[in-house]
Each structure stands twice: as C-alpha cells, then as structure tokens.
C-alpha cells in the first residue's frame, strides 16, 4: 500500500528538483520564486515547502545531489596513488572529470556549471555551507594530489602552485557568451577540446613536478 505513495512522492520531488535547477541556473537564487518553481514543476506551491521545507532547503538539496554524484568517484582516487604512474593516472581522472563537468554540453552538466557560476558571481547568504559541503571536498582531492608532489613546500608557496593549477580548470565555469569565444575552440567538439586541455594541463604538471610520496 505504501509503495505507490512513495513512488508518487519521489516523482513529485524529482519534478521540483528539475524545475528548480533550471530556474536557479537561469535567474539565480534571489530572482527565482517558489511560485515560479511550482509552476514549472506543475505542482501546488505548498509541495515545495512540504518536500524541501523552503526555497533555501531546495537550493541546498540541488548542490548536495550533485555532490553525491561527484564525491564517490573523486575521493576514491586518493587511495589508488602509490607511485608516479598511479599519481599521473589519478590526476588525469580528476582533470578529465572536472573539465567534462564544465565543458561538455549535456543539459545536466551545463545546468550545474551555471549554478556554480551563479553562486560565485552572486553568493547567497548560505553559500558558505554549500562551498564547504559540496565544493571543497572535490577541490581537496586535487589539493592533496598536488601536495604529493611538493610535500616540503611552505604553505604560501604551495597555495600559489595549487591555485595556479586549479585556475586552469575552473576558468571554464564562466564561459557564457561572449566569453565562450575566448575559452572554447570552434574547430573542436567540446569533448575533443576537454581532452586536449587535459593533456596540456597534465603535461605542464609533469614537466614541473613528480610524485614524492603520500605524506600529506
């Protein structure tokens, strides 16, 4: 008796999430109303508060859902590293994943990219929680991989190295027109461009650094 009711609840919840993702990505958090979300999801306005407590709860749920898809694949990289070859392989996997996330043209990836861009451009009052619960765990994997190559670097030098390398990936968060003319390659597909960028970034890292151990 409970299964049809649960299935219906899941469907309504998913409808609300999908509608909210699109609206938040298009308009940002402040300019998106609960009413607009409900209309797009074709549900009663009270359903948003019933399933997510508030607009804020819904916004956080979207980012936590995305993190649930990101975190397992990336955090699992760290235990695989034990030498130069496995370190390079882990770096490539992380770079591949992040560049695909910000460059591929699938609707789901594009919406997430735009959500992150919106949060960076116009931080919400609870953006700090999203940053520490969603963004930092993913970025921290890359930080630890880079630290394996420069374990003796002082904090200031390491931060400079790390942020320069990270910036080569995260600059693609903001690639809406006209910036896409600068950041994309018109003669290659997004997938081809992401692979070429991954090769270049990894080659730059390998030219300067090598695996020194996991003492992080």
C-alpha atoms as a PDB file:
ATOM      1  CA  UNK A   1       0.000   0.000   0.000  1.00  0.00           C
ATOM      2  CA  UNK A   2       2.878   2.377   0.717  1.00  0.00           C
ATOM      3  CA  UNK A   3       4.814   1.760  -2.498  1.00  0.00           C
ATOM      4  CA  UNK A   4       2.560   3.734  -4.887  1.00  0.00           C
ATOM      5  CA  UNK A   5       2.509   6.641  -2.420  1.00  0.00           C
ATOM      6  CA  UNK A   6       6.320   6.587  -2.116  1.00  0.00           C
ATOM      7  CA  UNK A   7       6.720   6.419  -5.895  1.00  0.00           C
ATOM      8  CA  UNK A   8       4.416   9.398  -6.274  1.00  0.00           C
ATOM      9  CA  UNK A   9       6.365  11.322  -3.643  1.00  0.00           C
ATOM     10  CA  UNK A  10       9.642  10.555  -5.402  1.00  0.00           C
ATOM     11  CA  UNK A  11       8.203  11.712  -8.723  1.00  0.00           C
ATOM     12  CA  UNK A  12       6.946  14.989  -7.265  1.00  0.00           C
ATOM     13  CA  UNK A  13      10.260  15.589  -5.502  1.00  0.00           C
ATOM     14  CA  UNK A  14      12.179  14.946  -8.736  1.00  0.00           C
ATOM     15  CA  UNK A  15       9.873  17.262 -10.695  1.00  0.00           C
ATOM     16  CA  UNK A  16      10.518  20.049  -8.213  1.00  0.00           C
ATOM     17  CA  UNK A  17      14.282  19.468  -8.265  1.00  0.00           C
ATOM     18  CA  UNK A  18      14.474  19.532 -12.053  1.00  0.00           C
ATOM     19  CA  UNK A  19      12.365  22.682 -12.313  1.00  0.00           C
ATOM     20  CA  UNK A  20      14.372  24.427  -9.613  1.00  0.00           C
ATOM     21  CA  UNK A  21      17.724  23.527 -11.196  1.00  0.00           C
ATOM     22  CA  UNK A  22      16.729  25.153 -14.459  1.00  0.00           C
ATOM     23  CA  UNK A  23      15.305  28.299 -12.876  1.00  0.00           C
ATOM     24  CA  UNK A  24      18.172  28.793 -10.421  1.00  0.00           C
ATOM     25  CA  UNK A  25      20.672  28.351 -13.273  1.00  0.00           C
ATOM     26  CA  UNK A  26      18.819  30.856 -15.479  1.00  0.00           C
ATOM     27  CA  UNK A  27      17.880  33.516 -12.925  1.00  0.00           C
ATOM     28  CA  UNK A  28      19.954  32.909  -9.825  1.00  0.00           C
ATOM     29  CA  UNK A  29      18.685  32.236  -6.329  1.00  0.00           C
ATOM     30  CA  UNK A  30      17.344  35.695  -5.465  1.00  0.00           C
ATOM     31  CA  UNK A  31      15.262  36.108  -8.624  1.00  0.00           C
ATOM     32  CA  UNK A  32      13.709  32.644  -8.504  1.00  0.00           C
ATOM     33  CA  UNK A  33      10.488  32.328  -6.537  1.00  0.00           C
ATOM     34  CA  UNK A  34       8.845  29.289  -5.001  1.00  0.00           C
ATOM     35  CA  UNK A  35       5.778  30.084  -7.070  1.00  0.00           C
ATOM     36  CA  UNK A  36       7.780  30.012 -10.312  1.00  0.00           C
ATOM     37  CA  UNK A  37       9.349  26.690  -9.329  1.00  0.00           C
ATOM     38  CA  UNK A  38       5.948  25.179  -8.556  1.00  0.00           C
ATOM     39  CA  UNK A  39       4.508  26.430 -11.844  1.00  0.00           C
ATOM     40  CA  UNK A  40       7.373  24.989 -13.849  1.00  0.00           C
ATOM     41  CA  UNK A  41       7.155  21.680 -11.972  1.00  0.00           C
ATOM     42  CA  UNK A  42       3.367  21.671 -12.367  1.00  0.00           C
ATOM     43  CA  UNK A  43       2.762  21.117  -8.682  1.00  0.00           C
ATOM     44  CA  UNK A  44       0.986  23.000  -5.933  1.00  0.00           C
ATOM     45  CA  UNK A  45       3.106  25.723  -4.358  1.00  0.00           C
ATOM     46  CA  UNK A  46       2.865  24.089  -0.941  1.00  0.00           C
ATOM     47  CA  UNK A  47       4.603  20.981  -2.333  1.00  0.00           C
ATOM     48  CA  UNK A  48       7.959  22.803  -2.434  1.00  0.00           C
ATOM     49  CA  UNK A  49       7.824  23.511   1.288  1.00  0.00           C
ATOM     50  CA  UNK A  50       6.417  20.056   2.023  1.00  0.00           C
ATOM     51  CA  UNK A  51       9.301  18.215   0.355  1.00  0.00           C
ATOM     52  CA  UNK A  52      12.165  20.676   0.923  1.00  0.00           C
ATOM     53  CA  UNK A  53      10.996  22.915   3.821  1.00  0.00           C
ATOM     54  CA  UNK A  54      11.906  26.124   1.983  1.00  0.00           C
ATOM     55  CA  UNK A  55      13.496  27.607  -1.127  1.00  0.00           C
ATOM     56  CA  UNK A  56      16.810  27.540   0.730  1.00  0.00           C
ATOM     57  CA  UNK A  57      16.370  23.846   1.520  1.00  0.00           C
ATOM     58  CA  UNK A  58      15.631  23.123  -2.129  1.00  0.00           C
ATOM     59  CA  UNK A  59      18.675  25.081  -3.285  1.00  0.00           C
ATOM     60  CA  UNK A  60      20.946  23.175  -0.933  1.00  0.00           C
ATOM     61  CA  UNK A  61      19.370  19.857  -1.950  1.00  0.00           C
ATOM     62  CA  UNK A  62      20.351  20.509  -5.572  1.00  0.00           C
ATOM     63  CA  UNK A  63      24.002  21.040  -4.667  1.00  0.00           C
ATOM     64  CA  UNK A  64      24.050  18.067  -2.286  1.00  0.00           C
ATOM     65  CA  UNK A  65      22.584  15.872  -5.008  1.00  0.00           C
ATOM     66  CA  UNK A  66      25.351  16.998  -7.363  1.00  0.00           C
ATOM     67  CA  UNK A  67      27.969  16.353  -4.697  1.00  0.00           C
ATOM     68  CA  UNK A  68      26.608  12.852  -4.203  1.00  0.00           C
ATOM     69  CA  UNK A  69      27.364  12.228  -7.872  1.00  0.00           C
ATOM     70  CA  UNK A  70      30.822  13.817  -7.733  1.00  0.00           C
ATOM     71  CA  UNK A  71      32.305  12.789  -4.426  1.00  0.00           C
ATOM     72  CA  UNK A  72      32.480   8.971  -4.620  1.00  0.00           C
ATOM     73  CA  UNK A  73      34.322   8.905  -7.941  1.00  0.00           C
ATOM     74  CA  UNK A  74      36.862  11.556  -6.983  1.00  0.00           C
ATOM     75  CA  UNK A  75      37.570  10.801  -3.324  1.00  0.00           C
ATOM     76  CA  UNK A  76      38.182   7.178  -4.288  1.00  0.00           C
ATOM     77  CA  UNK A  77      41.200   8.342  -6.306  1.00  0.00           C
ATOM     78  CA  UNK A  78      43.434   9.079  -3.316  1.00  0.00           C
ATOM     79  CA  UNK A  79      43.886   5.502  -2.057  1.00  0.00           C
ATOM     80  CA  UNK A  80      44.917   4.394  -5.551  1.00  0.00           C
ATOM     81  CA  UNK A  81      48.069   6.555  -5.565  1.00  0.00           C
ATOM     82  CA  UNK A  82      51.351   4.818  -4.644  1.00  0.00           C
ATOM     83  CA  UNK A  83      53.854   5.789  -7.336  1.00  0.00           C
ATOM     84  CA  UNK A  84      54.451   8.136 -10.272  1.00  0.00           C
ATOM     85  CA  UNK A  85      52.264   6.200 -12.679  1.00  0.00           C
ATOM     86  CA  UNK A  86      49.267   5.945 -10.366  1.00  0.00           C
ATOM     87  CA  UNK A  87      49.675   9.600  -9.365  1.00  0.00           C
ATOM     88  CA  UNK A  88      49.533  10.686 -13.007  1.00  0.00           C
ATOM     89  CA  UNK A  89      46.531   8.429 -13.588  1.00  0.00           C
ATOM     90  CA  UNK A  90      44.689   9.951 -10.625  1.00  0.00           C
ATOM     91  CA  UNK A  91      45.457  13.470 -11.828  1.00  0.00           C
ATOM     92  CA  UNK A  92      44.185  12.645 -15.302  1.00  0.00           C
ATOM     93  CA  UNK A  93      40.958  11.205 -13.909  1.00  0.00           C
ATOM     94  CA  UNK A  94      40.347  14.300 -11.773  1.00  0.00           C
ATOM     95  CA  UNK A  95      41.132  16.683 -14.637  1.00  0.00           C
ATOM     96  CA  UNK A  96      39.003  14.679 -17.082  1.00  0.00           C
ATOM     97  CA  UNK A  97      36.081  14.737 -14.694  1.00  0.00           C
ATOM     98  CA  UNK A  98      36.215  18.451 -13.888  1.00  0.00           C
ATOM     99  CA  UNK A  99      36.821  19.598 -17.463  1.00  0.00           C
ATOM    100  CA  UNK A 100      33.958  17.406 -18.671  1.00  0.00           C
ATOM    101  CA  UNK A 101      31.748  18.853 -15.959  1.00  0.00           C
ATOM    102  CA  UNK A 102      32.386  22.421 -17.098  1.00  0.00           C
ATOM    103  CA  UNK A 103      32.824  21.933 -20.845  1.00  0.00           C
ATOM    104  CA  UNK A 104      30.530  19.153 -22.057  1.00  0.00           C
ATOM    105  CA  UNK A 105      27.233  20.360 -23.463  1.00  0.00           C
ATOM    106  CA  UNK A 106      24.829  17.893 -21.844  1.00  0.00           C
ATOM    107  CA  UNK A 107      21.905  19.684 -20.150  1.00  0.00           C
ATOM    108  CA  UNK A 108      22.672  18.285 -16.690  1.00  0.00           C
ATOM    109  CA  UNK A 109      26.325  19.346 -16.757  1.00  0.00           C
ATOM    110  CA  UNK A 110      25.522  22.757 -18.203  1.00  0.00           C
ATOM    111  CA  UNK A 111      22.930  23.451 -15.503  1.00  0.00           C
ATOM    112  CA  UNK A 112      25.384  22.513 -12.749  1.00  0.00           C
ATOM    113  CA  UNK A 113      28.100  24.709 -14.289  1.00  0.00           C
ATOM    114  CA  UNK A 114      25.720  27.647 -14.414  1.00  0.00           C
ATOM    115  CA  UNK A 115      24.583  27.059 -10.839  1.00  0.00           C
ATOM    116  CA  UNK A 116      28.192  27.186  -9.640  1.00  0.00           C
ATOM    117  CA  UNK A 117      28.812  30.283 -11.764  1.00  0.00           C
ATOM    118  CA  UNK A 118      25.750  31.968 -10.266  1.00  0.00           C
ATOM    119  CA  UNK A 119      26.917  31.162  -6.747  1.00  0.00           C
ATOM    120  CA  UNK A 120      30.394  32.520  -7.444  1.00  0.00           C
ATOM    121  CA  UNK A 121      29.089  35.721  -9.046  1.00  0.00           C
ATOM    122  CA  UNK A 122      26.280  36.395  -6.561  1.00  0.00           C
ATOM    123  CA  UNK A 123      26.902  34.375  -3.381  1.00  0.00           C
ATOM    124  CA  UNK A 124      23.826  33.542  -1.359  1.00  0.00           C
ATOM    125  CA  UNK A 125      23.666  34.025   2.380  1.00  0.00           C
ATOM    126  CA  UNK A 126      24.156  30.298   2.853  1.00  0.00           C
ATOM    127  CA  UNK A 127      26.738  29.894   0.092  1.00  0.00           C
ATOM    128  CA  UNK A 128      29.395  29.258   2.736  1.00  0.00           C
ATOM    129  CA  UNK A 129      27.720  25.974   3.679  1.00  0.00           C
ATOM    130  CA  UNK A 130      27.449  24.932   0.042  1.00  0.00           C
ATOM    131  CA  UNK A 131      31.102  25.821  -0.510  1.00  0.00           C
ATOM    132  CA  UNK A 132      32.331  23.685   2.404  1.00  0.00           C
ATOM    133  CA  UNK A 133      29.942  20.762   1.930  1.00  0.00           C
ATOM    134  CA  UNK A 134      29.971  20.484  -1.865  1.00  0.00           C
ATOM    135  CA  UNK A 135      32.850  22.359  -3.488  1.00  0.00           C
ATOM    136  CA  UNK A 136      35.699  21.906  -1.017  1.00  0.00           C
ATOM    137  CA  UNK A 137      35.593  18.078  -0.777  1.00  0.00           C
ATOM    138  CA  UNK A 138      36.027  17.859  -4.558  1.00  0.00           C
ATOM    139  CA  UNK A 139      38.728  20.539  -4.716  1.00  0.00           C
ATOM    140  CA  UNK A 140      40.505  18.993  -1.739  1.00  0.00           C
ATOM    141  CA  UNK A 141      41.190  15.830  -3.745  1.00  0.00           C
ATOM    142  CA  UNK A 142      43.145  17.888  -6.270  1.00  0.00           C
ATOM    143  CA  UNK A 143      44.875  19.766  -3.461  1.00  0.00           C
ATOM    144  CA  UNK A 144      46.078  16.501  -1.908  1.00  0.00           C
ATOM    145  CA  UNK A 145      47.242  15.139  -5.257  1.00  0.00           C
ATOM    146  CA  UNK A 146      49.333  18.261  -5.875  1.00  0.00           C
ATOM    147  CA  UNK A 147      50.667  18.177  -2.310  1.00  0.00           C
ATOM    148  CA  UNK A 148      52.045  14.704  -3.016  1.00  0.00           C
ATOM    149  CA  UNK A 149      54.425  16.347  -5.494  1.00  0.00           C
ATOM    150  CA  UNK A 150      55.591  19.175  -3.215  1.00  0.00           C
ATOM    151  CA  UNK A 151      55.373  17.845   0.362  1.00  0.00           C
ATOM    152  CA  UNK A 152      58.153  20.135   1.593  1.00  0.00           C
ATOM    153  CA  UNK A 153      56.774  23.396   0.158  1.00  0.00           C
ATOM    154  CA  UNK A 154      55.836  26.048   2.692  1.00  0.00           C
ATOM    155  CA  UNK A 155      52.096  26.907   2.897  1.00  0.00           C
ATOM    156  CA  UNK A 156      52.391  30.123   0.897  1.00  0.00           C
ATOM    157  CA  UNK A 157      54.376  28.564  -1.947  1.00  0.00           C
ATOM    158  CA  UNK A 158      52.092  25.559  -2.058  1.00  0.00           C
ATOM    159  CA  UNK A 159      48.978  27.744  -2.191  1.00  0.00           C
ATOM    160  CA  UNK A 160      50.443  29.668  -5.123  1.00  0.00           C
ATOM    161  CA  UNK A 161      51.247  26.438  -7.001  1.00  0.00           C
ATOM    162  CA  UNK A 162      47.862  24.926  -6.238  1.00  0.00           C
ATOM    163  CA  UNK A 163      45.723  27.927  -7.161  1.00  0.00           C
ATOM    164  CA  UNK A 164      47.519  28.456 -10.483  1.00  0.00           C
ATOM    165  CA  UNK A 165      46.887  24.828 -11.447  1.00  0.00           C
ATOM    166  CA  UNK A 166      43.293  24.852 -10.211  1.00  0.00           C
ATOM    167  CA  UNK A 167      42.570  28.040 -12.107  1.00  0.00           C
ATOM    168  CA  UNK A 168      43.379  26.304 -15.392  1.00  0.00           C
ATOM    169  CA  UNK A 169      40.286  24.149 -14.849  1.00  0.00           C
ATOM    170  CA  UNK A 170      37.859  26.430 -13.067  1.00  0.00           C
ATOM    171  CA  UNK A 171      38.095  29.299 -15.543  1.00  0.00           C
ATOM    172  CA  UNK A 172      35.610  27.367 -17.704  1.00  0.00           C
ATOM    173  CA  UNK A 173      32.821  27.841 -15.172  1.00  0.00           C
ATOM    174  CA  UNK A 174      32.185  31.259 -16.746  1.00  0.00           C
ATOM    175  CA  UNK A 175      32.004  30.524 -20.460  1.00  0.00           C
ATOM    176  CA  UNK A 176      28.675  32.032 -21.493  1.00  0.00           C
ATOM    177  CA  UNK A 177      28.712  34.411 -24.477  1.00  0.00           C
ATOM    178  CA  UNK A 178      30.796  36.381 -25.266  1.00  0.00           C
ATOM    179  CA  UNK A 179      33.399  34.617 -23.080  1.00  0.00           C
ATOM    180  CA  UNK A 180      32.913  31.353 -24.946  1.00  0.00           C
ATOM    181  CA  UNK A 181      34.796  32.930 -27.882  1.00  0.00           C
ATOM    182  CA  UNK A 182      37.863  33.147 -25.648  1.00  0.00           C
ATOM    183  CA  UNK A 183      37.586  29.843 -23.768  1.00  0.00           C
ATOM    184  CA  UNK A 184      36.308  27.399 -26.380  1.00  0.00           C
ATOM    185  CA  UNK A 185      37.829  26.106 -29.617  1.00  0.00           C
ATOM    186  CA  UNK A 186      35.465  26.468 -32.599  1.00  0.00           C
ATOM    187  CA  UNK A 187      37.162  23.738 -34.642  1.00  0.00           C
ATOM    188  CA  UNK A 188      36.813  21.025 -31.986  1.00  0.00           C
ATOM    189  CA  UNK A 189      33.864  19.433 -30.236  1.00  0.00           C
ATOM    190  CA  UNK A 190      33.557  20.108 -26.507  1.00  0.00           C
ATOM    191  CA  UNK A 191      34.728  16.553 -25.795  1.00  0.00           C
ATOM    192  CA  UNK A 192      37.790  16.926 -28.028  1.00  0.00           C
ATOM    193  CA  UNK A 193      38.597  20.307 -26.505  1.00  0.00           C
ATOM    194  CA  UNK A 194      38.307  18.935 -22.957  1.00  0.00           C
ATOM    195  CA  UNK A 195      40.647  16.036 -23.791  1.00  0.00           C
ATOM    196  CA  UNK A 196      43.212  18.368 -25.373  1.00  0.00           C
ATOM    197  CA  UNK A 197      43.089  20.701 -22.370  1.00  0.00           C
ATOM    198  CA  UNK A 198      43.511  17.750 -20.024  1.00  0.00           C
ATOM    199  CA  UNK A 199      46.583  16.613 -21.950  1.00  0.00           C
ATOM    200  CA  UNK A 200      48.091  20.108 -21.820  1.00  0.00           C
ATOM    201  CA  UNK A 201      47.417  20.724 -18.120  1.00  0.00           C
ATOM    202  CA  UNK A 202      48.749  17.304 -17.166  1.00  0.00           C
ATOM    203  CA  UNK A 203      51.849  17.802 -19.351  1.00  0.00           C
ATOM    204  CA  UNK A 204      52.529  21.111 -17.584  1.00  0.00           C
ATOM    205  CA  UNK A 205      52.210  19.470 -14.165  1.00  0.00           C
ATOM    206  CA  UNK A 206      54.503  16.578 -15.116  1.00  0.00           C
ATOM    207  CA  UNK A 207      57.089  18.998 -16.553  1.00  0.00           C
ATOM    208  CA  UNK A 208      57.448  20.701 -13.179  1.00  0.00           C
ATOM    209  CA  UNK A 209      56.544  18.067 -10.603  1.00  0.00           C
ATOM    210  CA  UNK A 210      56.726  14.367  -9.836  1.00  0.00           C
ATOM    211  CA  UNK A 211      55.308  12.099  -7.180  1.00  0.00           C
ATOM    212  CA  UNK A 212      57.224  12.402  -3.900  1.00  0.00           C
ATOM    213  CA  UNK A 213      55.090  10.308  -1.585  1.00  0.00           C
ATOM    214  CA  UNK A 214      51.763  10.373   0.190  1.00  0.00           C
ATOM    215  CA  UNK A 215      52.919  12.245   3.253  1.00  0.00           C
ATOM    216  CA  UNK A 216      50.072  14.734   3.100  1.00  0.00           C
END
